[in-house]
Amino acid sequence: MEAIVAALGGTVWTVLFFVIALSVIVFVHEYGHYIIGRWSGIHSEVFSIGFGPVLFSRTDRRGTRWQVAAIPFGGFVKFLGDADASSVRPGDVSGLSADERRHTMAGAPLWARTATVAAGPVFNFILTFCLLIGLALFLGVPREEPTVGAMRAFPFTGPTLAEGDVILSVEGKPTPDWETFGTVTSALKGKTSLAYTVRRGTDELVVTGPHPLAPVVGEVQIRSAAMDAGIQEGDIILKVGDRDVTYFDELPDIVAASKGGPVMLSVWRAGQTFEVSLTPRIRTVDDGEGGFTERYLLGLYSGLFFEPATRSVGPWEAVSNAGASMWRMTTTTFSGLSHMIQGAISSCNLSGAIGMAETAGDAARNGVESFVGMLAILSFGVGLLNLFPIPVLDGGHLVFYAYEAVTRRQPTERALRVLMTVGLTLVLSIMIFGLSRDLMCQ
């Protein structure tokens, strides 16, 4: 009974945060269409979050009805003259005056229609950019000098590092920055404890501490075997099966040797030790050489036995970091799609509605920062997907407008109907394929 209640609670949590994430992204996307359309002289009759029966609505002074509908998985803006809420085809505007037609989507100039349609994806990209800037400003970045932030619980006895310590050297080797710190400590594998020379206030002293490459969980990957098993950030992996684990980088080879079979972890958490069985899942990862490779993974990232101290970033640095992150998202997405089309990586890397819902729920469990980061990535993906040149998507409409700009005439009604049918079929096929990946892939 408790298991059923827990499962139901988990499902409600997942659906709730998926609806929250989707509603935010859809609102921003549709608001882009709405506000640019309004500024371009195109009147919006309805702005809806959700489909189906209307739960709440109000009409503003411009005559636009703002509403929330019962089915929360999407939304739309219905412009004056549209035949239906989907804006797939224009309605009959022949009975309208010239001034009234100017305020419809069909009767607006080409530039206005183009700007209005393109605004949806652009606003999704703006949302991603703003969220990334916000995360950079809120979280900061590690200080240039290796500096200890909060200490994690660790099974280590005796005086050791303390919050605020600046690590000057390790085993007598200077560590002026994090890169050098990593190089020096990697060369000292074989020792389980090290001598750290630190600056503590105005004093300089030598203390001992665990090796930084100890098997500390720094982060748990969303939708992973580790998250499903309840592994948490800060956990210490003591054993895999009967094999003692001294360094985190021993885990990948042990997991790979299991060939997808269950592995038993002995985990230390805040003075308590427990065992948990995990079944690795095959995942596609960057091979570091511009390609991808598939590996069995538990979904764990390494961490230090302390949290690195951070510093605040200025607005320009936050903007620069956000821009670099968006560029990485773009290149990684297109590289992944290219390799998937070539068959170099599995189609299991695609997710449908179920996968996105699970991602939203897991991200919320990981905390506000994780949820906001997921929201940024999902908004970027929605914006990019909508730019694909598929009829019924924004990108398809932009292709029609490009055709009109070149030929000085719009596609025929018959051609539009055929292309829209093909596009709708393609979109539905992609959605069904994504759902099949959610159900068949682990």
Protein backbone atom coordinates (compact mmCIF):
# COMPACT_ATOMS: atom_id res chain seq x y z
CA MET A 1 0.00 0.00 0.00
CA GLU A 2 2.80 2.42 0.91
CA ALA A 3 4.49 1.67 -2.43
CA ILE A 4 1.26 2.50 -4.29
CA VAL A 5 0.85 5.77 -2.38
CA ALA A 6 4.50 6.67 -3.06
CA ALA A 7 4.09 5.88 -6.76
CA LEU A 8 0.94 7.98 -7.00
CA GLY A 9 2.65 10.82 -5.16
CA GLY A 10 5.59 10.64 -7.53
CA THR A 11 3.28 10.68 -10.55
CA VAL A 12 1.39 13.72 -9.26
CA TRP A 13 4.69 15.50 -8.59
CA THR A 14 5.95 14.70 -12.09
CA VAL A 15 2.76 15.85 -13.81
CA LEU A 16 2.54 19.01 -11.68
CA PHE A 17 6.02 20.26 -12.52
CA PHE A 18 5.69 19.23 -16.16
CA VAL A 19 2.53 21.34 -16.40
CA ILE A 20 4.30 24.24 -14.67
CA ALA A 21 7.30 24.03 -16.99
CA LEU A 22 5.19 23.62 -20.12
CA SER A 23 2.84 26.44 -19.15
CA VAL A 24 5.73 28.87 -18.65
CA ILE A 25 7.33 27.92 -21.97
CA VAL A 26 4.04 28.00 -23.89
CA PHE A 27 3.07 31.36 -22.35
CA VAL A 28 6.37 32.93 -23.38
CA HIS A 29 6.16 31.42 -26.89
CA GLU A 30 2.58 32.55 -27.49
CA TYR A 31 3.21 35.94 -25.89
CA GLY A 32 5.94 36.46 -28.46
CA HIS A 33 3.40 35.89 -31.23
CA TYR A 34 0.86 38.09 -29.47
CA ILE A 35 2.98 41.12 -28.59
CA ILE A 36 4.83 41.36 -31.92
CA GLY A 37 1.54 40.83 -33.73
CA ARG A 38 -0.01 43.65 -31.71
CA TRP A 39 2.92 45.95 -32.38
CA SER A 40 2.64 45.02 -36.08
CA GLY A 41 -1.03 45.96 -36.20
CA ILE A 42 -2.49 42.42 -36.10
CA HIS A 43 -5.35 42.01 -33.64
CA SER A 44 -5.49 38.99 -31.31
CA GLU A 45 -8.97 37.72 -30.48
CA VAL A 46 -7.94 34.97 -28.03
CA PHE A 47 -4.81 34.20 -25.99
CA SER A 48 -5.17 30.76 -24.42
CA ILE A 49 -3.05 28.64 -22.11
CA GLY A 50 -4.39 25.14 -22.61
CA PHE A 51 -7.07 23.69 -24.86
CA GLY A 52 -10.63 22.51 -24.38
CA PRO A 53 -13.23 23.85 -21.90
CA VAL A 54 -12.40 27.32 -20.59
CA LEU A 55 -11.80 27.47 -16.83
CA PHE A 56 -11.17 31.19 -16.55
CA SER A 57 -11.21 34.13 -18.96
CA ARG A 58 -11.24 37.89 -19.10
CA THR A 59 -11.31 40.34 -22.00
CA ASP A 60 -8.93 43.28 -21.94
CA ARG A 61 -9.57 46.78 -23.23
CA ARG A 62 -8.14 45.88 -26.64
CA GLY A 63 -10.72 43.15 -27.11
CA THR A 64 -8.41 40.18 -26.56
CA ARG A 65 -9.83 37.37 -24.45
CA TRP A 66 -7.21 35.89 -22.12
CA GLN A 67 -8.13 32.41 -20.94
CA VAL A 68 -6.97 29.30 -19.13
CA ALA A 69 -8.40 26.04 -20.49
CA ALA A 70 -8.80 22.61 -18.93
CA ILE A 71 -6.19 20.71 -20.97
CA PRO A 72 -2.89 22.34 -19.94
CA PHE A 73 -0.60 20.80 -22.58
CA GLY A 74 -0.14 23.71 -24.96
CA GLY A 75 -1.76 26.99 -25.93
CA PHE A 76 -2.51 29.29 -28.82
CA VAL A 77 -3.15 32.82 -30.03
CA LYS A 78 -6.14 33.25 -32.35
CA PHE A 79 -5.68 36.29 -34.55
CA LEU A 80 -8.51 38.21 -36.18
CA GLY A 81 -9.58 36.44 -39.37
CA ASP A 82 -8.12 33.03 -38.47
CA ALA A 83 -10.46 30.20 -39.38
CA ASP A 84 -9.67 28.35 -36.14
CA ALA A 85 -7.58 28.61 -33.02
CA SER A 86 -4.63 26.78 -34.55
CA SER A 87 -3.98 29.51 -37.15
CA VAL A 88 -3.24 26.75 -39.67
CA ARG A 89 -5.37 28.34 -42.37
CA PRO A 90 -6.79 31.83 -42.83
CA GLY A 91 -10.50 32.45 -42.59
CA ASP A 92 -12.71 34.31 -45.03
CA VAL A 93 -11.84 38.01 -44.76
CA SER A 94 -13.60 39.06 -47.97
CA GLY A 95 -16.43 40.67 -46.00
CA LEU A 96 -14.09 42.95 -44.07
CA SER A 97 -13.14 46.48 -45.00
CA ALA A 98 -9.59 47.27 -46.12
CA ASP A 99 -8.80 48.72 -42.68
CA GLU A 100 -10.21 45.64 -40.92
CA ARG A 101 -8.28 43.28 -43.20
CA ARG A 102 -5.06 45.08 -42.27
CA HIS A 103 -5.60 43.92 -38.69
CA THR A 104 -5.93 40.24 -39.68
CA MET A 105 -3.02 37.84 -40.15
CA ALA A 106 -4.04 37.16 -43.75
CA GLY A 107 -4.37 40.84 -44.61
CA ALA A 108 -1.23 42.10 -42.87
CA PRO A 109 1.92 42.98 -44.83
CA LEU A 110 4.46 40.22 -45.33
CA TRP A 111 6.93 41.78 -42.91
CA ALA A 112 4.31 41.88 -40.14
CA ARG A 113 3.31 38.24 -40.64
CA THR A 114 6.94 37.14 -40.73
CA ALA A 115 7.85 39.05 -37.57
CA THR A 116 4.77 37.75 -35.72
CA VAL A 117 5.42 34.11 -36.59
CA ALA A 118 9.17 34.28 -35.89
CA ALA A 119 8.58 35.95 -32.52
CA GLY A 120 7.41 32.74 -30.82
CA PRO A 121 10.70 30.82 -31.16
CA VAL A 122 12.71 34.01 -30.62
CA PHE A 123 10.96 34.63 -27.31
CA ASN A 124 11.78 31.03 -26.28
CA PHE A 125 15.45 31.75 -26.97
CA ILE A 126 15.19 35.00 -25.01
CA LEU A 127 13.69 33.08 -22.08
CA THR A 128 16.57 30.59 -22.18
CA PHE A 129 19.10 33.43 -22.32
CA CYS A 130 17.51 35.28 -19.38
CA LEU A 131 17.29 32.13 -17.24
CA LEU A 132 20.95 31.34 -17.87
CA ILE A 133 21.93 34.88 -16.96
CA GLY A 134 19.87 34.60 -13.79
CA LEU A 135 21.53 31.32 -12.82
CA ALA A 136 24.99 32.80 -13.40
CA LEU A 137 24.18 35.84 -11.25
CA PHE A 138 22.60 33.71 -8.50
CA LEU A 139 25.09 30.83 -8.36
CA GLY A 140 28.27 32.70 -9.22
CA VAL A 141 31.40 30.90 -10.41
CA PRO A 142 34.25 29.18 -8.51
CA ARG A 143 36.95 31.52 -7.29
CA GLU A 144 40.17 31.47 -9.27
CA GLU A 145 42.18 30.27 -6.25
CA PRO A 146 41.13 26.82 -4.95
CA THR A 147 39.01 27.89 -1.98
CA VAL A 148 36.94 25.73 0.33
CA GLY A 149 33.23 26.49 0.57
CA ALA A 150 30.91 24.36 2.67
CA MET A 151 32.39 21.07 3.91
CA ARG A 152 30.52 17.88 3.09
CA ALA A 153 30.12 15.09 5.61
CA PHE A 154 33.00 12.67 5.10
CA PRO A 155 34.27 9.59 7.00
CA PHE A 156 37.59 11.22 7.84
CA THR A 157 38.95 11.68 11.36
CA GLY A 158 41.23 14.37 12.67
CA PRO A 159 41.69 18.11 11.93
CA THR A 160 41.17 18.87 8.25
CA LEU A 161 40.20 21.68 5.90
CA ALA A 162 37.66 24.28 6.98
CA GLU A 163 35.30 26.59 5.15
CA GLY A 164 37.15 29.60 3.79
CA ASP A 165 40.56 27.89 3.53
CA VAL A 166 42.56 28.88 0.45
CA ILE A 167 44.55 25.85 -0.73
CA LEU A 168 48.06 27.09 -1.51
CA SER A 169 49.71 23.71 -2.18
CA VAL A 170 49.11 19.96 -1.95
CA GLU A 171 51.96 17.76 -0.72
CA GLY A 172 54.24 20.77 -1.20
CA LYS A 173 53.23 21.36 -4.84
CA PRO A 174 51.75 24.84 -5.48
CA THR A 175 48.12 25.01 -6.62
CA PRO A 176 47.48 28.61 -7.75
CA ASP A 177 44.32 27.74 -9.69
CA TRP A 178 41.79 24.94 -10.12
CA GLU A 179 43.42 23.55 -13.25
CA THR A 180 46.76 23.14 -11.49
CA PHE A 181 44.95 21.74 -8.43
CA GLY A 182 43.42 19.02 -10.62
CA THR A 183 46.73 18.20 -12.29
CA VAL A 184 48.62 18.00 -8.99
CA THR A 185 46.04 15.86 -7.19
CA SER A 186 45.64 13.49 -10.16
CA ALA A 187 49.38 12.81 -9.98
CA LEU A 188 49.02 11.90 -6.28
CA LYS A 189 46.68 8.97 -6.77
CA GLY A 190 47.77 6.13 -4.55
CA LYS A 191 47.33 8.12 -1.38
CA THR A 192 44.03 8.24 0.44
CA SER A 193 44.93 11.35 2.45
CA LEU A 194 47.05 14.35 1.53
CA ALA A 195 48.81 17.25 3.22
CA TYR A 196 47.23 20.60 2.30
CA THR A 197 48.97 23.92 2.90
CA VAL A 198 46.21 26.47 3.38
CA ARG A 199 45.75 30.13 4.19
CA ARG A 200 43.21 30.42 6.98
CA GLY A 201 42.57 34.05 7.78
CA THR A 202 46.02 35.54 8.33
CA ASP A 203 47.63 32.21 9.19
CA GLU A 204 49.29 29.68 6.94
CA LEU A 205 49.15 26.08 8.17
CA VAL A 206 49.32 22.48 7.01
CA VAL A 207 46.33 20.19 7.51
CA THR A 208 45.44 16.72 6.27
CA GLY A 209 42.40 15.76 4.28
CA PRO A 210 40.96 13.13 1.95
CA HIS A 211 42.14 12.84 -1.61
CA PRO A 212 40.02 15.16 -3.81
CA LEU A 213 39.32 12.29 -6.23
CA ALA A 214 37.62 10.24 -3.50
CA PRO A 215 34.34 8.62 -4.66
CA VAL A 216 32.11 11.54 -3.67
CA VAL A 217 28.86 12.06 -5.57
CA GLY A 218 28.89 15.64 -6.80
CA GLU A 219 25.67 15.46 -8.82
CA VAL A 220 23.02 12.92 -9.73
CA GLN A 221 21.89 12.88 -13.35
CA ILE A 222 18.20 13.42 -14.05
CA ARG A 223 16.30 10.32 -15.24
CA SER A 224 19.11 7.98 -14.23
CA ALA A 225 19.39 4.70 -12.34
CA ALA A 226 21.10 6.56 -9.48
CA MET A 227 18.26 9.07 -9.11
CA ASP A 228 15.65 6.31 -9.19
CA ALA A 229 17.60 4.48 -6.48
CA GLY A 230 17.70 7.54 -4.21
CA ILE A 231 21.43 8.34 -4.43
CA GLN A 232 22.05 11.93 -3.33
CA GLU A 233 24.67 14.60 -3.81
CA GLY A 234 27.38 14.21 -1.16
CA ASP A 235 27.03 10.42 -0.83
CA ILE A 236 30.28 8.45 -0.59
CA ILE A 237 30.58 5.23 -2.63
CA LEU A 238 32.54 2.79 -0.45
CA LYS A 239 32.16 -0.42 -2.45
CA VAL A 240 30.81 -1.79 -5.69
CA GLY A 241 29.90 -5.39 -4.95
CA ASP A 242 32.80 -6.76 -2.93
CA ARG A 243 35.32 -4.35 -4.43
CA ASP A 244 36.48 -1.35 -2.40
CA VAL A 245 36.38 1.98 -4.25
CA THR A 246 39.11 4.49 -3.47
CA TYR A 247 38.70 6.97 -6.33
CA PHE A 248 35.63 8.05 -8.25
CA ASP A 249 37.19 7.35 -11.65
CA GLU A 250 37.27 3.63 -10.79
CA LEU A 251 33.47 3.50 -11.15
CA PRO A 252 33.13 3.75 -14.96
CA ASP A 253 35.26 0.65 -15.63
CA ILE A 254 33.45 -1.35 -12.94
CA VAL A 255 30.05 -0.36 -14.35
CA ALA A 256 31.16 -1.10 -17.92
CA ALA A 257 32.31 -4.57 -16.84
CA SER A 258 28.78 -5.30 -15.59
CA LYS A 259 27.55 -5.10 -19.23
CA GLY A 260 24.22 -3.74 -18.06
CA GLY A 261 23.76 -6.18 -15.17
CA PRO A 262 22.79 -4.97 -11.67
CA VAL A 263 25.56 -3.61 -9.45
CA MET A 264 25.41 -3.36 -5.66
CA LEU A 265 26.72 -0.14 -4.14
CA SER A 266 27.72 0.31 -0.52
CA VAL A 267 27.02 3.97 0.26
CA TRP A 268 28.02 6.16 3.22
CA ARG A 269 25.73 9.08 4.06
CA ALA A 270 26.07 11.26 7.15
CA GLY A 271 27.52 8.49 9.31
CA GLN A 272 25.21 5.74 8.06
CA THR A 273 26.10 2.98 5.57
CA PHE A 274 23.54 1.25 3.37
CA GLU A 275 23.47 -0.87 0.24
CA VAL A 276 21.48 -0.28 -2.91
CA SER A 277 21.22 -2.20 -6.17
CA LEU A 278 21.30 -0.27 -9.46
CA THR A 279 20.95 -1.44 -13.04
CA PRO A 280 23.12 0.70 -15.35
CA ARG A 281 21.45 2.26 -18.37
CA ILE A 282 23.08 2.65 -21.75
CA ARG A 283 23.55 6.32 -22.58
CA THR A 284 25.16 8.29 -25.40
CA VAL A 285 27.99 10.57 -24.26
CA ASP A 286 30.43 12.94 -25.92
CA ASP A 287 33.66 11.10 -26.72
CA GLY A 288 35.70 14.31 -26.53
CA GLU A 289 36.71 14.08 -30.19
CA GLY A 290 33.65 15.57 -31.84
CA GLY A 291 31.70 12.32 -31.80
CA PHE A 292 29.60 10.21 -29.47
CA THR A 293 29.88 6.83 -27.83
CA GLU A 294 27.48 4.63 -25.90
CA ARG A 295 28.27 3.50 -22.36
CA TYR A 296 26.54 1.85 -19.44
CA LEU A 297 26.13 4.53 -16.79
CA LEU A 298 24.65 4.88 -13.31
CA GLY A 299 24.11 8.63 -13.70
CA LEU A 300 26.67 9.87 -11.16
CA TYR A 301 29.06 12.80 -11.48
CA SER A 302 32.13 13.18 -9.30
CA GLY A 303 32.50 15.85 -6.65
CA LEU A 304 34.99 17.05 -4.07
CA PHE A 305 34.73 16.39 -0.34
CA PHE A 306 34.04 20.12 -0.05
CA GLU A 307 32.04 22.53 -2.16
CA PRO A 308 34.24 25.04 -3.99
CA ALA A 309 33.75 28.61 -2.78
CA THR A 310 32.22 30.89 -5.39
CA ARG A 311 32.39 34.56 -6.27
CA SER A 312 29.75 36.82 -7.71
CA VAL A 313 29.79 37.65 -11.40
CA GLY A 314 29.05 40.97 -13.02
CA PRO A 315 26.34 41.52 -15.62
CA TRP A 316 28.71 41.33 -18.57
CA GLU A 317 30.32 38.07 -17.38
CA ALA A 318 26.85 36.60 -16.79
CA VAL A 319 25.77 37.57 -20.31
CA SER A 320 28.99 36.16 -21.77
CA ASN A 321 28.58 32.87 -19.89
CA ALA A 322 24.93 32.59 -20.97
CA GLY A 323 25.88 33.19 -24.59
CA ALA A 324 28.57 30.52 -24.43
CA SER A 325 26.09 28.07 -22.90
CA MET A 326 23.53 28.71 -25.64
CA TRP A 327 26.19 28.19 -28.30
CA ARG A 328 27.11 24.84 -26.70
CA MET A 329 23.43 23.87 -26.66
CA THR A 330 23.15 24.68 -30.37
CA THR A 331 26.25 22.82 -31.49
CA THR A 332 25.52 19.81 -29.27
CA THR A 333 21.91 19.59 -30.49
CA PHE A 334 22.78 19.69 -34.17
CA SER A 335 25.72 17.34 -33.71
CA GLY A 336 23.48 14.88 -31.87
CA LEU A 337 20.75 15.08 -34.52
CA SER A 338 23.32 14.57 -37.28
CA HIS A 339 24.79 11.49 -35.60
CA MET A 340 21.30 10.13 -34.90
CA ILE A 341 20.27 10.49 -38.55
CA GLN A 342 23.48 8.72 -39.58
CA GLY A 343 22.70 5.92 -37.13
CA ALA A 344 25.85 6.63 -35.11
CA ILE A 345 23.86 7.02 -31.89
CA SER A 346 20.64 5.46 -30.67
CA SER A 347 17.21 7.02 -31.23
CA CYS A 348 16.66 6.38 -27.51
CA ASN A 349 18.24 9.80 -27.00
CA LEU A 350 14.93 11.29 -28.17
CA SER A 351 12.23 11.91 -25.59
CA GLY A 352 8.50 12.31 -25.88
CA ALA A 353 5.97 13.81 -23.50
CA ILE A 354 6.57 11.12 -20.87
CA GLY A 355 10.32 11.67 -20.91
CA MET A 356 9.94 15.44 -20.67
CA ALA A 357 7.52 15.04 -17.77
CA GLU A 358 9.95 12.76 -15.92
CA THR A 359 12.75 15.24 -16.58
CA ALA A 360 10.71 18.09 -15.13
CA GLY A 361 9.81 16.06 -12.03
CA ASP A 362 13.37 14.90 -11.40
CA ALA A 363 14.74 18.40 -11.94
CA ALA A 364 12.29 19.79 -9.37
CA ARG A 365 13.43 17.13 -6.88
CA ASN A 366 17.01 18.28 -7.38
CA GLY A 367 16.17 21.83 -6.34
CA VAL A 368 15.29 25.22 -7.78
CA GLU A 369 18.56 25.64 -9.67
CA SER A 370 18.12 22.30 -11.41
CA PHE A 371 14.50 23.06 -12.34
CA VAL A 372 15.40 26.49 -13.73
CA GLY A 373 18.27 24.96 -15.72
CA MET A 374 15.92 22.32 -17.12
CA LEU A 375 13.42 25.04 -18.00
CA ALA A 376 16.11 26.90 -19.93
CA ILE A 377 17.07 23.80 -21.91
CA LEU A 378 13.45 22.86 -22.62
CA SER A 379 12.59 26.38 -23.78
CA PHE A 380 15.61 26.31 -26.11
CA GLY A 381 14.47 22.97 -27.51
CA VAL A 382 10.91 24.19 -28.09
CA GLY A 383 12.17 27.30 -29.87
CA LEU A 384 14.53 25.28 -32.06
CA LEU A 385 11.91 22.64 -32.90
CA ASN A 386 9.43 25.31 -33.95
CA LEU A 387 11.93 26.69 -36.45
CA PHE A 388 12.12 23.40 -38.33
CA PRO A 389 10.72 23.92 -41.87
CA ILE A 390 7.70 21.69 -41.28
CA PRO A 391 4.23 22.96 -42.26
CA VAL A 392 2.04 23.70 -39.18
CA LEU A 393 5.18 24.70 -37.25
CA ASP A 394 6.42 28.28 -37.21
CA GLY A 395 9.34 27.31 -39.43
CA GLY A 396 6.91 25.99 -42.06
CA HIS A 397 5.02 29.31 -42.09
CA LEU A 398 8.32 31.16 -42.49
CA VAL A 399 9.11 29.00 -45.53
CA PHE A 400 5.74 29.97 -47.04
CA TYR A 401 6.52 33.64 -46.41
CA ALA A 402 9.95 33.23 -48.01
CA TYR A 403 8.24 31.71 -51.05
CA GLU A 404 5.85 34.66 -51.16
CA ALA A 405 8.74 37.13 -50.88
CA VAL A 406 10.54 35.54 -53.84
CA THR A 407 7.57 34.82 -56.15
CA ARG A 408 5.40 37.79 -55.10
CA ARG A 409 2.44 35.47 -54.61
CA GLN A 410 1.13 33.22 -51.88
CA PRO A 411 0.93 29.42 -52.20
CA THR A 412 -2.43 28.26 -53.55
CA GLU A 413 -5.16 27.18 -51.15
CA ARG A 414 -4.91 23.61 -52.43
CA ALA A 415 -1.13 23.53 -51.96
CA LEU A 416 -1.51 24.89 -48.44
CA ARG A 417 -4.07 22.23 -47.53
CA VAL A 418 -1.84 19.43 -48.84
CA LEU A 419 1.30 20.77 -47.17
CA MET A 420 -0.48 21.36 -43.87
CA THR A 421 -1.83 17.81 -43.92
CA VAL A 422 1.65 16.45 -44.61
CA GLY A 423 3.13 18.64 -41.88
CA LEU A 424 0.51 17.65 -39.32
CA THR A 425 1.07 13.98 -40.15
CA LEU A 426 4.82 14.43 -39.75
CA VAL A 427 4.47 16.22 -36.40
CA LEU A 428 2.10 13.57 -35.06
CA SER A 429 4.49 10.86 -36.26
CA ILE A 430 7.38 12.52 -34.42
CA MET A 431 5.26 12.75 -31.25
CA ILE A 432 4.28 9.08 -31.47
CA PHE A 433 7.89 8.08 -32.15
CA GLY A 434 9.01 10.10 -29.10
CA LEU A 435 6.42 8.37 -26.94
CA SER A 436 7.59 4.99 -28.24
CA ARG A 437 11.16 5.88 -27.19
CA ASP A 438 9.89 6.78 -23.71
CA LEU A 439 8.13 3.42 -23.37
CA MET A 440 10.73 1.16 -25.00
CA CYS A 441 14.01 2.73 -23.93
CA GLN A 442 15.37 2.63 -20.37
